[in-house]
Amino acid sequence: MTDRIGYKVIVVGDPNVGKTSLTYRFCEGLPLGHSIITVGVDLRLKMILLDDQLVTLQIWDTAGMERHDSMVQSYYRKAHAVVIMYDVTNRQSFDNLQYWLTECGRFASSDIVKVMVGNKCEEGAVRAVSKSEAQRFADDNEMPLFETSAKLESEVENIETIFRTIAHKLLHERNIRISDCVILQERPMEDELANCVC
């Protein structure tokens, strides 16, 4: 087995689409017990074994609020992958996906791995966006689409698949030099985490 490597994944989308719930469910395997408003960026780490390679995903959950744009822009530039999220019950959050894609195009590298996630697919939810419409948008922008609910225990495996898909693409489809990967240390550098809640 080779030494572990790390990738930086940024999760973006409108406020209240469930970004923190998704990252918490993936990293902790548990539902988020209460609503949290993320200020700036929230950092979580998760190590996975993929094709005999230890991979650490460093997941940055952004605020999704315009007043924090100056902070978010700096994280795009260093990201290897981006999860672009919307709420299937909130039409505006879907319509705003183009904004987040535009921001990604402005500040991220041209070959960043992109994944689209529709959250809050609970039983009885009143959908504002059909899966077929979301799939067309994802296809037009060359992104895989996942629909899930970060609240449901039954969705743990599906959420794991989202991030394993990202890791697989980074390992096998995008040519990343080891020197461009996240440097893994015992403790993150203070200046890197100055505005984060870990």
N, C-alpha and C. Protein backbone atom coordinates (compact mmCIF):
# COMPACT_ATOMS: atom_id res chain seq x y z
N MET A 1 0.84 -1.19 0.00
CA MET A 1 0.00 0.00 0.00
C MET A 1 0.88 1.24 0.00
N THR A 2 0.57 2.24 -0.85
CA THR A 2 1.37 3.44 -0.94
C THR A 2 0.99 4.41 0.17
N ASP A 3 1.82 5.46 0.34
CA ASP A 3 1.52 6.47 1.34
C ASP A 3 0.19 7.14 0.99
N ARG A 4 -0.48 7.63 2.03
CA ARG A 4 -1.75 8.28 1.78
C ARG A 4 -1.56 9.65 1.16
N ILE A 5 -2.50 10.03 0.32
CA ILE A 5 -2.49 11.35 -0.29
C ILE A 5 -3.81 12.03 0.04
N GLY A 6 -3.86 13.32 -0.14
CA GLY A 6 -5.06 14.06 0.21
C GLY A 6 -5.53 14.97 -0.91
N TYR A 7 -6.83 15.15 -0.97
CA TYR A 7 -7.43 16.05 -1.95
C TYR A 7 -8.35 17.02 -1.23
N LYS A 8 -8.41 18.21 -1.76
CA LYS A 8 -9.27 19.25 -1.19
C LYS A 8 -10.56 19.33 -2.00
N VAL A 9 -11.68 19.16 -1.30
CA VAL A 9 -13.00 19.17 -1.92
C VAL A 9 -13.80 20.31 -1.31
N ILE A 10 -14.34 21.19 -2.15
CA ILE A 10 -15.14 22.30 -1.65
C ILE A 10 -16.60 22.02 -1.98
N VAL A 11 -17.49 22.28 -1.01
CA VAL A 11 -18.93 22.05 -1.18
C VAL A 11 -19.62 23.41 -1.21
N VAL A 12 -20.30 23.71 -2.33
CA VAL A 12 -20.91 25.02 -2.50
C VAL A 12 -22.39 24.89 -2.85
N GLY A 13 -23.11 25.99 -2.71
CA GLY A 13 -24.53 26.02 -2.99
C GLY A 13 -25.20 27.06 -2.11
N ASP A 14 -26.47 27.31 -2.36
CA ASP A 14 -27.20 28.31 -1.60
C ASP A 14 -27.28 27.94 -0.11
N PRO A 15 -27.54 28.91 0.75
CA PRO A 15 -27.77 28.60 2.17
C PRO A 15 -28.95 27.63 2.34
N ASN A 16 -28.84 26.75 3.31
CA ASN A 16 -29.93 25.85 3.72
C ASN A 16 -30.24 24.74 2.72
N VAL A 17 -29.30 24.44 1.82
CA VAL A 17 -29.52 23.29 0.94
C VAL A 17 -29.03 21.99 1.58
N GLY A 18 -28.30 22.09 2.70
CA GLY A 18 -27.87 20.90 3.43
C GLY A 18 -26.41 20.56 3.27
N LYS A 19 -25.58 21.55 2.98
CA LYS A 19 -24.15 21.28 2.78
C LYS A 19 -23.50 20.72 4.04
N THR A 20 -23.78 21.35 5.18
CA THR A 20 -23.20 20.88 6.44
C THR A 20 -23.74 19.51 6.81
N SER A 21 -25.02 19.28 6.58
CA SER A 21 -25.62 17.97 6.88
C SER A 21 -24.98 16.88 6.03
N LEU A 22 -24.72 17.18 4.76
CA LEU A 22 -24.12 16.19 3.87
C LEU A 22 -22.71 15.84 4.31
N THR A 23 -21.89 16.83 4.59
CA THR A 23 -20.50 16.57 4.96
C THR A 23 -20.43 15.89 6.33
N TYR A 24 -21.33 16.26 7.24
CA TYR A 24 -21.35 15.64 8.56
C TYR A 24 -21.76 14.17 8.45
N ARG A 25 -22.78 13.90 7.63
CA ARG A 25 -23.23 12.53 7.45
C ARG A 25 -22.12 11.67 6.86
N PHE A 26 -21.38 12.21 5.88
CA PHE A 26 -20.30 11.45 5.26
C PHE A 26 -19.15 11.21 6.23
N CYS A 27 -18.74 12.23 6.94
CA CYS A 27 -17.56 12.11 7.80
C CYS A 27 -17.84 11.41 9.13
N GLU A 28 -19.03 11.61 9.67
CA GLU A 28 -19.35 11.06 10.99
C GLU A 28 -20.29 9.86 10.91
N GLY A 29 -20.96 9.69 9.77
CA GLY A 29 -21.92 8.60 9.64
C GLY A 29 -23.19 8.81 10.43
N LEU A 30 -23.45 10.05 10.83
CA LEU A 30 -24.60 10.37 11.67
C LEU A 30 -25.34 11.58 11.09
N PRO A 31 -26.63 11.70 11.42
CA PRO A 31 -27.35 12.91 11.00
C PRO A 31 -26.93 14.09 11.86
N LEU A 32 -26.97 15.26 11.28
CA LEU A 32 -26.68 16.47 12.04
C LEU A 32 -27.84 16.71 13.00
N GLY A 33 -27.54 16.81 14.29
CA GLY A 33 -28.59 16.86 15.29
C GLY A 33 -29.37 18.15 15.33
N HIS A 34 -28.77 19.24 14.83
CA HIS A 34 -29.45 20.52 14.87
C HIS A 34 -28.94 21.37 13.72
N SER A 35 -29.70 22.38 13.38
CA SER A 35 -29.34 23.27 12.28
C SER A 35 -28.16 24.14 12.66
N ILE A 36 -27.20 24.24 11.74
CA ILE A 36 -26.00 25.06 11.97
C ILE A 36 -25.86 26.03 10.81
N ILE A 37 -25.67 27.31 11.11
CA ILE A 37 -25.35 28.28 10.08
C ILE A 37 -23.85 28.39 9.99
N THR A 38 -23.29 28.01 8.85
CA THR A 38 -21.84 28.03 8.68
C THR A 38 -21.39 29.45 8.37
N VAL A 39 -20.42 29.93 9.13
CA VAL A 39 -19.84 31.25 8.90
C VAL A 39 -18.43 31.03 8.37
N GLY A 40 -18.19 31.50 7.14
CA GLY A 40 -16.90 31.27 6.52
C GLY A 40 -16.84 29.87 5.95
N VAL A 41 -15.98 29.03 6.49
CA VAL A 41 -15.80 27.67 5.99
C VAL A 41 -15.66 26.70 7.15
N ASP A 42 -16.31 25.55 7.04
CA ASP A 42 -16.22 24.49 8.04
C ASP A 42 -15.43 23.33 7.43
N LEU A 43 -14.41 22.86 8.11
CA LEU A 43 -13.52 21.83 7.59
C LEU A 43 -13.76 20.48 8.25
N ARG A 44 -13.86 19.42 7.44
CA ARG A 44 -13.92 18.05 7.95
C ARG A 44 -12.99 17.18 7.13
N LEU A 45 -12.46 16.13 7.77
CA LEU A 45 -11.56 15.19 7.12
C LEU A 45 -12.15 13.79 7.15
N LYS A 46 -11.95 13.04 6.07
CA LYS A 46 -12.38 11.64 6.03
C LYS A 46 -11.38 10.85 5.20
N MET A 47 -10.87 9.76 5.80
CA MET A 47 -9.93 8.89 5.09
C MET A 47 -10.69 7.69 4.54
N ILE A 48 -10.43 7.35 3.28
CA ILE A 48 -11.05 6.19 2.68
C ILE A 48 -9.97 5.36 1.98
N LEU A 49 -10.26 4.08 1.81
CA LEU A 49 -9.37 3.19 1.07
C LEU A 49 -9.98 2.95 -0.29
N LEU A 50 -9.23 3.30 -1.33
CA LEU A 50 -9.74 3.18 -2.70
C LEU A 50 -8.64 2.58 -3.57
N ASP A 51 -8.93 1.40 -4.13
CA ASP A 51 -7.96 0.73 -5.01
C ASP A 51 -6.59 0.60 -4.35
N ASP A 52 -6.60 0.15 -3.09
CA ASP A 52 -5.38 -0.08 -2.32
C ASP A 52 -4.60 1.21 -2.04
N GLN A 53 -5.29 2.34 -2.16
CA GLN A 53 -4.65 3.64 -1.89
C GLN A 53 -5.43 4.35 -0.78
N LEU A 54 -4.72 4.76 0.27
CA LEU A 54 -5.35 5.56 1.31
C LEU A 54 -5.49 7.00 0.82
N VAL A 55 -6.70 7.49 0.83
CA VAL A 55 -6.98 8.84 0.36
C VAL A 55 -7.68 9.61 1.47
N THR A 56 -7.17 10.78 1.79
CA THR A 56 -7.84 11.66 2.74
C THR A 56 -8.53 12.78 1.97
N LEU A 57 -9.82 12.89 2.17
CA LEU A 57 -10.58 13.99 1.58
C LEU A 57 -10.70 15.09 2.61
N GLN A 58 -10.22 16.25 2.25
CA GLN A 58 -10.30 17.43 3.10
C GLN A 58 -11.48 18.24 2.58
N ILE A 59 -12.59 18.22 3.30
CA ILE A 59 -13.85 18.73 2.77
C ILE A 59 -14.17 20.09 3.41
N TRP A 60 -14.29 21.09 2.55
CA TRP A 60 -14.54 22.45 2.99
C TRP A 60 -15.98 22.82 2.66
N ASP A 61 -16.77 23.03 3.70
CA ASP A 61 -18.18 23.38 3.59
C ASP A 61 -18.30 24.90 3.62
N THR A 62 -18.65 25.50 2.49
CA THR A 62 -18.69 26.97 2.41
C THR A 62 -20.00 27.52 2.91
N ALA A 63 -20.00 28.81 3.20
CA ALA A 63 -21.16 29.45 3.80
C ALA A 63 -22.33 29.57 2.83
N GLY A 64 -22.06 29.76 1.54
CA GLY A 64 -23.13 29.94 0.57
C GLY A 64 -23.83 31.28 0.71
N MET A 65 -23.14 32.26 1.28
CA MET A 65 -23.72 33.59 1.46
C MET A 65 -22.81 34.60 0.77
N GLU A 66 -23.43 35.54 0.04
CA GLU A 66 -22.63 36.49 -0.74
C GLU A 66 -21.64 37.28 0.10
N ARG A 67 -21.98 37.56 1.36
CA ARG A 67 -21.07 38.38 2.17
C ARG A 67 -19.77 37.66 2.48
N HIS A 68 -19.71 36.35 2.24
CA HIS A 68 -18.50 35.60 2.48
C HIS A 68 -17.77 35.26 1.18
N ASP A 69 -18.21 35.85 0.06
CA ASP A 69 -17.63 35.51 -1.23
C ASP A 69 -16.13 35.70 -1.28
N SER A 70 -15.61 36.76 -0.64
CA SER A 70 -14.18 37.02 -0.71
C SER A 70 -13.38 35.89 -0.09
N MET A 71 -13.95 35.23 0.93
CA MET A 71 -13.27 34.10 1.55
C MET A 71 -13.36 32.87 0.66
N VAL A 72 -14.56 32.63 0.12
CA VAL A 72 -14.79 31.42 -0.67
C VAL A 72 -13.91 31.40 -1.92
N GLN A 73 -13.72 32.55 -2.53
CA GLN A 73 -12.94 32.63 -3.77
C GLN A 73 -11.54 32.06 -3.60
N SER A 74 -10.92 32.32 -2.45
CA SER A 74 -9.56 31.84 -2.23
C SER A 74 -9.52 30.32 -2.13
N TYR A 75 -10.60 29.68 -1.68
CA TYR A 75 -10.62 28.23 -1.55
C TYR A 75 -10.86 27.54 -2.89
N TYR A 76 -11.57 28.19 -3.80
CA TYR A 76 -11.74 27.63 -5.13
C TYR A 76 -10.39 27.37 -5.79
N ARG A 77 -9.48 28.29 -5.63
CA ARG A 77 -8.21 28.22 -6.35
C ARG A 77 -7.38 27.02 -5.96
N LYS A 78 -7.57 26.49 -4.78
CA LYS A 78 -6.76 25.37 -4.31
C LYS A 78 -7.52 24.04 -4.30
N ALA A 79 -8.76 24.08 -4.75
CA ALA A 79 -9.60 22.88 -4.67
C ALA A 79 -9.33 21.93 -5.82
N HIS A 80 -9.38 20.63 -5.52
CA HIS A 80 -9.26 19.59 -6.55
C HIS A 80 -10.63 19.20 -7.10
N ALA A 81 -11.68 19.36 -6.27
CA ALA A 81 -13.03 18.96 -6.67
C ALA A 81 -14.05 19.87 -6.00
N VAL A 82 -15.22 19.96 -6.62
CA VAL A 82 -16.31 20.77 -6.05
C VAL A 82 -17.61 19.98 -6.12
N VAL A 83 -18.34 19.99 -5.00
CA VAL A 83 -19.69 19.45 -4.94
C VAL A 83 -20.63 20.65 -4.99
N ILE A 84 -21.48 20.70 -6.02
CA ILE A 84 -22.42 21.81 -6.20
C ILE A 84 -23.80 21.31 -5.82
N MET A 85 -24.37 21.89 -4.76
CA MET A 85 -25.59 21.36 -4.16
C MET A 85 -26.80 22.26 -4.37
N TYR A 86 -27.97 21.61 -4.43
CA TYR A 86 -29.24 22.32 -4.41
C TYR A 86 -30.23 21.50 -3.60
N ASP A 87 -31.35 22.11 -3.27
CA ASP A 87 -32.44 21.47 -2.52
C ASP A 87 -33.54 21.16 -3.53
N VAL A 88 -33.92 19.88 -3.65
CA VAL A 88 -34.92 19.49 -4.65
C VAL A 88 -36.29 20.10 -4.38
N THR A 89 -36.51 20.63 -3.16
CA THR A 89 -37.79 21.26 -2.83
C THR A 89 -37.75 22.78 -2.97
N ASN A 90 -36.60 23.30 -3.39
CA ASN A 90 -36.40 24.76 -3.48
C ASN A 90 -35.96 25.12 -4.89
N ARG A 91 -36.88 25.65 -5.67
CA ARG A 91 -36.59 25.95 -7.07
C ARG A 91 -35.45 26.96 -7.22
N GLN A 92 -35.43 27.95 -6.36
CA GLN A 92 -34.41 29.00 -6.47
C GLN A 92 -33.01 28.43 -6.31
N SER A 93 -32.86 27.47 -5.40
CA SER A 93 -31.53 26.89 -5.19
C SER A 93 -31.04 26.14 -6.43
N PHE A 94 -31.98 25.57 -7.20
CA PHE A 94 -31.63 24.92 -8.46
C PHE A 94 -31.30 25.95 -9.52
N ASP A 95 -32.13 26.98 -9.63
CA ASP A 95 -31.87 28.03 -10.62
C ASP A 95 -30.53 28.71 -10.38
N ASN A 96 -30.09 28.76 -9.12
CA ASN A 96 -28.82 29.42 -8.79
C ASN A 96 -27.59 28.54 -9.05
N LEU A 97 -27.79 27.30 -9.49
CA LEU A 97 -26.64 26.44 -9.79
C LEU A 97 -25.74 27.06 -10.85
N GLN A 98 -26.35 27.78 -11.80
CA GLN A 98 -25.53 28.41 -12.84
C GLN A 98 -24.59 29.45 -12.24
N TYR A 99 -25.07 30.15 -11.22
CA TYR A 99 -24.20 31.11 -10.53
C TYR A 99 -22.99 30.41 -9.93
N TRP A 100 -23.23 29.26 -9.26
CA TRP A 100 -22.13 28.56 -8.61
C TRP A 100 -21.17 27.97 -9.65
N LEU A 101 -21.70 27.53 -10.77
CA LEU A 101 -20.84 27.04 -11.85
C LEU A 101 -19.99 28.17 -12.43
N THR A 102 -20.60 29.34 -12.55
CA THR A 102 -19.86 30.50 -13.06
C THR A 102 -18.73 30.88 -12.11
N GLU A 103 -19.04 30.89 -10.81
CA GLU A 103 -18.00 31.18 -9.81
C GLU A 103 -16.88 30.15 -9.89
N CYS A 104 -17.24 28.90 -10.05
CA CYS A 104 -16.25 27.84 -10.17
C CYS A 104 -15.37 28.07 -11.40
N GLY A 105 -15.99 28.47 -12.51
CA GLY A 105 -15.23 28.75 -13.72
C GLY A 105 -14.29 29.93 -13.56
N ARG A 106 -14.68 30.89 -12.75
CA ARG A 106 -13.86 32.09 -12.53
C ARG A 106 -12.65 31.81 -11.64
N PHE A 107 -12.84 31.01 -10.60
CA PHE A 107 -11.82 30.93 -9.55
C PHE A 107 -11.13 29.58 -9.44
N ALA A 108 -11.73 28.52 -9.97
CA ALA A 108 -11.12 27.19 -9.84
C ALA A 108 -10.29 26.86 -11.07
N SER A 109 -9.50 25.80 -10.95
CA SER A 109 -8.72 25.33 -12.10
C SER A 109 -9.68 24.78 -13.16
N SER A 110 -9.27 24.82 -14.41
CA SER A 110 -10.15 24.44 -15.51
C SER A 110 -10.51 22.95 -15.49
N ASP A 111 -9.66 22.13 -14.84
CA ASP A 111 -9.92 20.69 -14.83
C ASP A 111 -10.44 20.20 -13.47
N ILE A 112 -11.00 21.09 -12.68
CA ILE A 112 -11.54 20.69 -11.39
C ILE A 112 -12.66 19.66 -11.60
N VAL A 113 -12.71 18.66 -10.74
CA VAL A 113 -13.77 17.65 -10.81
C VAL A 113 -15.04 18.23 -10.20
N LYS A 114 -16.15 18.13 -10.94
CA LYS A 114 -17.43 18.69 -10.49
C LYS A 114 -18.47 17.59 -10.34
N VAL A 115 -19.23 17.64 -9.24
CA VAL A 115 -20.32 16.71 -8.98
C VAL A 115 -21.53 17.52 -8.53
N MET A 116 -22.70 17.15 -9.00
CA MET A 116 -23.94 17.87 -8.66
C MET A 116 -24.78 16.99 -7.73
N VAL A 117 -25.28 17.58 -6.64
CA VAL A 117 -26.04 16.83 -5.64
C VAL A 117 -27.35 17.54 -5.34
N GLY A 118 -28.47 16.83 -5.50
CA GLY A 118 -29.76 17.32 -5.06
C GLY A 118 -30.10 16.70 -3.72
N ASN A 119 -30.30 17.54 -2.72
CA ASN A 119 -30.53 17.06 -1.35
C ASN A 119 -32.01 17.21 -0.96
N LYS A 120 -32.36 16.61 0.16
CA LYS A 120 -33.70 16.66 0.78
C LYS A 120 -34.73 15.82 0.01
N CYS A 121 -34.27 14.68 -0.49
CA CYS A 121 -35.19 13.76 -1.19
C CYS A 121 -35.86 12.81 -0.19
N GLU A 122 -36.56 13.39 0.77
CA GLU A 122 -37.25 12.55 1.74
C GLU A 122 -38.64 12.16 1.23
N GLU A 123 -39.16 11.07 1.77
CA GLU A 123 -40.51 10.63 1.41
C GLU A 123 -41.51 11.71 1.79
N GLY A 124 -42.38 12.04 0.87
CA GLY A 124 -43.39 13.06 1.13
C GLY A 124 -42.94 14.47 0.79
N ALA A 125 -41.67 14.65 0.45
CA ALA A 125 -41.17 15.98 0.09
C ALA A 125 -41.84 16.44 -1.20
N VAL A 126 -42.21 17.71 -1.24
CA VAL A 126 -42.82 18.29 -2.44
C VAL A 126 -41.72 18.82 -3.33
N ARG A 127 -41.45 18.12 -4.40
CA ARG A 127 -40.34 18.48 -5.28
C ARG A 127 -40.68 19.72 -6.09
N ALA A 128 -39.69 20.60 -6.20
CA ALA A 128 -39.79 21.76 -7.08
C ALA A 128 -38.97 21.56 -8.34
N VAL A 129 -38.12 20.51 -8.32
CA VAL A 129 -37.24 20.21 -9.46
C VAL A 129 -37.32 18.71 -9.72
N SER A 130 -37.72 18.34 -10.93
CA SER A 130 -37.80 16.92 -11.26
C SER A 130 -36.41 16.36 -11.50
N LYS A 131 -36.26 15.05 -11.33
CA LYS A 131 -34.96 14.44 -11.57
C LYS A 131 -34.57 14.54 -13.04
N SER A 132 -35.53 14.45 -13.94
CA SER A 132 -35.20 14.53 -15.37
C SER A 132 -34.66 15.91 -15.73
N GLU A 133 -35.23 16.97 -15.15
CA GLU A 133 -34.72 18.32 -15.42
C GLU A 133 -33.32 18.49 -14.85
N ALA A 134 -33.12 18.00 -13.63
CA ALA A 134 -31.81 18.08 -13.01
C ALA A 134 -30.78 17.29 -13.81
N GLN A 135 -31.18 16.13 -14.31
CA GLN A 135 -30.26 15.31 -15.10
C GLN A 135 -29.85 16.01 -16.39
N ARG A 136 -30.79 16.70 -17.03
CA ARG A 136 -30.45 17.45 -18.25
C ARG A 136 -29.42 18.54 -17.94
N PHE A 137 -29.64 19.24 -16.83
CA PHE A 137 -28.69 20.30 -16.45
C PHE A 137 -27.32 19.70 -16.17
N ALA A 138 -27.29 18.60 -15.44
CA ALA A 138 -26.02 17.94 -15.11
C ALA A 138 -25.32 17.47 -16.39
N ASP A 139 -26.07 16.86 -17.31
CA ASP A 139 -25.48 16.38 -18.56
C ASP A 139 -24.92 17.54 -19.38
N ASP A 140 -25.68 18.65 -19.44
CA ASP A 140 -25.24 19.82 -20.21
C ASP A 140 -23.94 20.39 -19.66
N ASN A 141 -23.71 20.20 -18.36
CA ASN A 141 -22.51 20.75 -17.72
C ASN A 141 -21.49 19.67 -17.36
N GLU A 142 -21.69 18.48 -17.92
CA GLU A 142 -20.73 17.37 -17.79
C GLU A 142 -20.43 17.04 -16.34
N MET A 143 -21.50 16.89 -15.55
CA MET A 143 -21.36 16.51 -14.15
C MET A 143 -22.21 15.27 -13.88
N PRO A 144 -21.73 14.35 -13.05
CA PRO A 144 -22.62 13.30 -12.56
C PRO A 144 -23.61 13.89 -11.58
N LEU A 145 -24.83 13.36 -11.58
CA LEU A 145 -25.88 13.83 -10.66
C LEU A 145 -26.18 12.76 -9.63
N PHE A 146 -26.27 13.18 -8.38
CA PHE A 146 -26.71 12.32 -7.29
C PHE A 146 -27.88 13.01 -6.59
N GLU A 147 -28.90 12.22 -6.23
CA GLU A 147 -29.97 12.73 -5.38
C GLU A 147 -29.94 11.94 -4.07
N THR A 148 -30.16 12.65 -2.97
CA THR A 148 -30.03 12.00 -1.67
C THR A 148 -30.78 12.78 -0.61
N SER A 149 -30.74 12.27 0.61
CA SER A 149 -31.19 12.99 1.79
C SER A 149 -30.17 12.76 2.89
N ALA A 150 -29.55 13.84 3.33
CA ALA A 150 -28.55 13.71 4.40
C ALA A 150 -29.18 13.35 5.73
N LYS A 151 -30.51 13.42 5.82
CA LYS A 151 -31.20 13.10 7.07
C LYS A 151 -31.40 11.59 7.25
N LEU A 152 -31.47 10.85 6.15
CA LEU A 152 -31.91 9.46 6.21
C LEU A 152 -30.76 8.48 6.40
N GLU A 153 -30.93 7.58 7.36
CA GLU A 153 -29.93 6.54 7.59
C GLU A 153 -29.75 5.66 6.36
N SER A 154 -30.83 5.47 5.62
CA SER A 154 -30.78 4.61 4.43
C SER A 154 -29.92 5.20 3.32
N GLU A 155 -29.56 6.48 3.43
CA GLU A 155 -28.80 7.15 2.38
C GLU A 155 -27.30 7.20 2.66
N VAL A 156 -26.86 6.58 3.76
CA VAL A 156 -25.44 6.63 4.12
C VAL A 156 -24.57 6.08 2.99
N GLU A 157 -24.96 4.95 2.43
CA GLU A 157 -24.17 4.33 1.38
C GLU A 157 -24.15 5.19 0.12
N ASN A 158 -25.28 5.80 -0.19
CA ASN A 158 -25.36 6.68 -1.36
C ASN A 158 -24.45 7.89 -1.20
N ILE A 159 -24.44 8.46 -0.01
CA ILE A 159 -23.58 9.62 0.25
C ILE A 159 -22.12 9.22 0.19
N GLU A 160 -21.80 8.04 0.70
CA GLU A 160 -20.43 7.51 0.58
C GLU A 160 -20.04 7.40 -0.90
N THR A 161 -20.98 6.98 -1.73
CA THR A 161 -20.70 6.83 -3.16
C THR A 161 -20.38 8.16 -3.81
N ILE A 162 -21.04 9.22 -3.38
CA ILE A 162 -20.75 10.55 -3.93
C ILE A 162 -19.27 10.89 -3.78
N PHE A 163 -18.76 10.72 -2.58
CA PHE A 163 -17.38 11.12 -2.32
C PHE A 163 -16.37 10.11 -2.83
N ARG A 164 -16.75 8.83 -2.87
CA ARG A 164 -15.86 7.84 -3.48
C ARG A 164 -15.75 8.06 -4.99
N THR A 165 -16.84 8.51 -5.61
CA THR A 165 -16.80 8.86 -7.04
C THR A 165 -15.81 9.99 -7.28
N ILE A 166 -15.84 10.99 -6.41
CA ILE A 166 -14.89 12.10 -6.52
C ILE A 166 -13.46 11.60 -6.38
N ALA A 167 -13.22 10.80 -5.35
CA ALA A 167 -11.86 10.28 -5.12
C ALA A 167 -11.38 9.45 -6.30
N HIS A 168 -12.27 8.63 -6.86
CA HIS A 168 -11.90 7.79 -8.01
C HIS A 168 -11.53 8.66 -9.20
N LYS A 169 -12.31 9.70 -9.47
CA LYS A 169 -12.02 10.58 -10.59
C LYS A 169 -10.67 11.27 -10.39
N LEU A 170 -10.38 11.68 -9.16
CA LEU A 170 -9.13 12.37 -8.89
C LEU A 170 -7.93 11.43 -9.03
N LEU A 171 -8.12 10.19 -8.59
CA LEU A 171 -7.02 9.22 -8.66
C LEU A 171 -6.75 8.75 -10.08
N HIS A 172 -7.82 8.56 -10.87
CA HIS A 172 -7.67 7.86 -12.14
C HIS A 172 -7.97 8.68 -13.39
N GLU A 173 -8.71 9.76 -13.26
CA GLU A 173 -9.11 10.50 -14.45
C GLU A 173 -8.46 11.86 -14.58
N ARG A 174 -8.04 12.43 -13.47
CA ARG A 174 -7.39 13.74 -13.52
C ARG A 174 -5.92 13.56 -13.19
N ASN A 175 -5.07 14.14 -14.01
CA ASN A 175 -3.63 14.00 -13.84
C ASN A 175 -3.13 15.01 -12.81
N ILE A 176 -3.04 14.56 -11.55
CA ILE A 176 -2.58 15.43 -10.47
C ILE A 176 -1.24 14.93 -9.96
N ARG A 177 -0.26 15.80 -9.96
CA ARG A 177 1.03 15.43 -9.39
C ARG A 177 0.90 15.34 -7.87
N ILE A 178 1.68 14.45 -7.26
CA ILE A 178 1.65 14.32 -5.81
C ILE A 178 1.96 15.66 -5.14
N SER A 179 2.83 16.45 -5.75
CA SER A 179 3.19 17.73 -5.15
C SER A 179 2.02 18.72 -5.14
N ASP A 180 0.98 18.45 -5.98
CA ASP A 180 -0.19 19.32 -6.01
C ASP A 180 -1.28 18.88 -5.04
N CYS A 181 -1.09 17.74 -4.38
CA CYS A 181 -2.09 17.26 -3.44
C CYS A 181 -1.97 17.99 -2.11
N VAL A 182 -2.99 17.82 -1.29
CA VAL A 182 -2.97 18.42 0.04
C VAL A 182 -1.84 17.82 0.86
N ILE A 183 -1.08 18.66 1.54
CA ILE A 183 -0.02 18.18 2.42
C ILE A 183 -0.65 17.75 3.73
N LEU A 184 -0.48 16.49 4.10
CA LEU A 184 -1.11 15.95 5.29
C LEU A 184 -0.15 16.04 6.47
N GLN A 185 -0.60 16.66 7.55
CA GLN A 185 0.24 16.87 8.72
C GLN A 185 -0.50 16.41 9.96
N GLU A 186 0.25 16.29 11.07
CA GLU A 186 -0.37 15.95 12.34
C GLU A 186 -1.43 16.98 12.72
N ARG A 187 -1.09 18.27 12.55
CA ARG A 187 -2.02 19.34 12.84
C ARG A 187 -2.03 20.29 11.65
N PRO A 188 -3.21 20.75 11.22
CA PRO A 188 -3.27 21.70 10.12
C PRO A 188 -2.56 22.99 10.49
N MET A 189 -2.02 23.67 9.49
CA MET A 189 -1.32 24.92 9.72
C MET A 189 -2.29 25.98 10.25
N GLU A 190 -1.86 26.75 11.21
CA GLU A 190 -2.73 27.73 11.86
C GLU A 190 -3.29 28.74 10.88
N ASP A 191 -2.46 29.23 9.96
CA ASP A 191 -2.95 30.26 9.04
C ASP A 191 -3.96 29.69 8.06
N GLU A 192 -3.87 28.41 7.76
CA GLU A 192 -4.82 27.78 6.84
C GLU A 192 -6.20 27.65 7.45
N LEU A 193 -6.24 27.49 8.78
CA LEU A 193 -7.51 27.21 9.46
C LEU A 193 -7.99 28.38 10.30
N ALA A 194 -7.43 29.55 10.09
CA ALA A 194 -7.74 30.69 10.94
C ALA A 194 -9.22 31.04 10.94
N ASN A 195 -9.90 30.81 9.78
CA ASN A 195 -11.31 31.19 9.66
C ASN A 195 -12.22 29.98 9.62
N CYS A 196 -11.77 28.85 10.17
CA CYS A 196 -12.55 27.63 10.07
C CYS A 196 -13.03 27.14 11.43
N VAL A 197 -14.14 26.41 11.41
CA VAL A 197 -14.62 25.72 12.59
C VAL A 197 -14.40 24.24 12.33
N CYS A 198 -13.51 23.59 13.09
CA CYS A 198 -13.12 22.20 12.79
C CYS A 198 -13.77 21.25 13.80
